[in-house]
Amino acid sequence: MKHRLLDLLACPVEKGWPLKLEIQNEETEEEELDIPVVCDETQVVCKYYCNFKNFFLIVDSGSEERFKPVDEIKKHVTVEDCKSCFQIDITQGLLHCPVDEEHVYKIKDGIPIMLTKEQIDEIYGGKIE
């Protein structure tokens, strides 16, 4: 799993965003990887939140979200950061809901398992190894 995914994922139960990442294991690619298209509004890959730099790219003014000015974003996050970020693969960890700490999701073999405890019980008999 890449840090980039936290720009997109929310808690499936509480809809809390961004999820808080607890890394238990990560691997770094030796070669530089191609990054996806840069967002026009932010001038970096992520559109709303950069987990790699723990920086919000938007301002939430209650009724609407708006992008921070590109000059402000560039002080905190650059395309070079995106290139470094894409070299990291999070292989084991946990994703915590920011709304309800009871909602925790495992990252196993680089894949976030976005299932509730009830769904894990029903599908896997209660345990994902």
Protein backbone atom coordinates (compact mmCIF):
# COMPACT_ATOMS: atom_id res chain seq x y z
CA MET A 1 0.00 0.00 0.00
CA LYS A 2 1.23 3.49 -0.79
CA HIS A 3 0.82 6.59 1.38
CA ARG A 4 -1.10 8.00 -1.60
CA LEU A 5 -4.06 5.79 -0.81
CA LEU A 6 -4.81 7.79 2.34
CA ASP A 7 -5.76 10.72 0.11
CA LEU A 8 -8.66 8.53 -1.04
CA LEU A 9 -9.65 6.12 1.77
CA ALA A 10 -12.19 6.85 4.49
CA CYS A 11 -13.57 4.69 7.28
CA PRO A 12 -16.34 2.59 5.69
CA VAL A 13 -18.42 2.79 8.88
CA GLU A 14 -18.01 6.35 10.20
CA LYS A 15 -16.85 7.97 6.94
CA GLY A 16 -13.97 9.52 8.94
CA TRP A 17 -11.13 10.93 6.87
CA PRO A 18 -8.19 10.87 6.67
CA LEU A 19 -7.44 7.56 8.30
CA LYS A 20 -4.48 7.53 10.65
CA LEU A 21 -1.69 5.21 9.52
CA GLU A 22 0.34 3.06 11.91
CA ILE A 23 3.20 1.51 9.95
CA GLN A 24 4.47 -1.84 11.22
CA ASN A 25 6.60 -2.70 8.19
CA GLU A 26 7.54 -0.95 4.98
CA GLU A 27 9.84 -1.60 2.06
CA THR A 28 11.60 0.94 -0.13
CA GLU A 29 12.07 0.41 -3.86
CA GLU A 30 15.64 1.01 -4.99
CA GLU A 31 14.70 2.45 -8.36
CA GLU A 32 12.63 5.56 -8.89
CA LEU A 33 9.06 4.71 -9.86
CA ASP A 34 6.90 6.63 -12.30
CA ILE A 35 4.31 8.73 -10.52
CA PRO A 36 0.74 9.17 -11.73
CA VAL A 37 -0.58 12.41 -13.17
CA VAL A 38 -0.11 15.50 -11.04
CA CYS A 39 -3.32 17.18 -9.85
CA ASP A 40 -3.89 20.53 -11.60
CA GLU A 41 -5.14 22.24 -8.43
CA THR A 42 -2.35 21.12 -6.06
CA GLN A 43 0.57 20.55 -8.46
CA VAL A 44 1.36 17.28 -6.63
CA VAL A 45 -0.11 13.79 -7.00
CA CYS A 46 -2.48 13.92 -4.04
CA LYS A 47 -5.56 16.09 -4.27
CA TYR A 48 -6.79 16.51 -0.71
CA TYR A 49 -4.25 15.18 1.81
CA CYS A 50 -0.58 14.17 1.64
CA ASN A 51 0.00 11.47 4.24
CA PHE A 52 3.71 11.26 3.40
CA LYS A 53 4.16 14.85 4.63
CA ASN A 54 1.06 14.87 6.87
CA PHE A 55 -0.26 17.96 5.12
CA PHE A 56 -3.80 18.93 4.11
CA LEU A 57 -3.96 20.33 0.58
CA ILE A 58 -7.43 21.76 1.14
CA VAL A 59 -9.00 24.16 3.59
CA ASP A 60 -12.31 23.05 5.06
CA SER A 61 -14.38 26.16 5.72
CA GLY A 62 -17.39 24.22 6.93
CA SER A 63 -19.74 24.53 3.97
CA GLU A 64 -17.15 24.00 1.24
CA GLU A 65 -13.64 22.76 0.64
CA ARG A 66 -11.16 24.82 -1.29
CA PHE A 67 -7.59 24.15 -2.31
CA LYS A 68 -4.76 25.87 -0.52
CA PRO A 69 -2.73 28.20 -2.74
CA VAL A 70 -0.10 26.33 -4.77
CA ASP A 71 2.64 28.56 -3.30
CA GLU A 72 1.67 27.42 0.21
CA ILE A 73 1.48 23.77 -0.85
CA LYS A 74 4.95 23.93 -2.44
CA LYS A 75 6.41 25.02 0.92
CA HIS A 76 5.31 21.68 2.36
CA VAL A 77 4.93 19.18 -0.51
CA THR A 78 6.62 18.96 -3.90
CA VAL A 79 6.61 16.55 -6.83
CA GLU A 80 10.03 15.38 -5.58
CA ASP A 81 8.29 14.33 -2.35
CA CYS A 82 5.78 12.41 -4.50
CA LYS A 83 8.65 10.57 -6.17
CA SER A 84 10.11 9.61 -2.77
CA CYS A 85 6.68 8.63 -1.46
CA PHE A 86 6.03 6.29 -4.38
CA GLN A 87 9.20 4.36 -3.57
CA ILE A 88 7.74 3.30 -0.20
CA ASP A 89 5.45 0.27 0.05
CA ILE A 90 3.69 -0.22 3.39
CA THR A 91 3.46 -3.98 3.78
CA GLN A 92 2.06 -4.28 7.33
CA GLY A 93 0.21 -1.82 9.50
CA LEU A 94 -3.05 -0.50 10.81
CA LEU A 95 -5.46 2.17 9.66
CA HIS A 96 -7.33 3.94 12.46
CA CYS A 97 -10.62 5.77 12.02
CA PRO A 98 -10.29 9.39 13.19
CA VAL A 99 -13.93 9.42 14.38
CA ASP A 100 -14.17 6.16 16.36
CA GLU A 101 -11.05 4.43 17.69
CA GLU A 102 -12.90 1.11 17.71
CA HIS A 103 -12.66 1.01 13.91
CA VAL A 104 -9.19 -0.28 13.03
CA TYR A 105 -8.29 -1.91 9.72
CA LYS A 106 -5.27 -4.13 9.04
CA ILE A 107 -2.81 -3.76 6.22
CA LYS A 108 -1.68 -7.26 5.28
CA ASP A 109 0.87 -7.94 2.56
CA GLY A 110 0.43 -4.37 1.36
CA ILE A 111 -3.36 -4.61 1.07
CA PRO A 112 -5.69 -2.64 3.35
CA ILE A 113 -8.49 -4.86 4.64
CA MET A 114 -11.39 -2.45 4.97
CA LEU A 115 -13.80 -4.82 6.71
CA THR A 116 -15.58 -4.43 10.03
CA LYS A 117 -15.11 -7.02 12.78
CA GLU A 118 -18.58 -8.35 11.96
CA GLN A 119 -17.68 -8.78 8.30
CA ILE A 120 -14.43 -10.54 9.20
CA ASP A 121 -16.39 -12.88 11.50
CA GLU A 122 -18.90 -13.65 8.77
CA ILE A 123 -16.45 -14.06 5.90
CA TYR A 124 -13.32 -15.47 7.55
CA GLY A 125 -14.63 -16.98 10.78
CA GLY A 126 -13.28 -14.11 12.85
CA LYS A 127 -9.62 -14.10 11.98
CA ILE A 128 -7.41 -12.85 9.19
CA GLU A 129 -3.90 -14.21 9.53
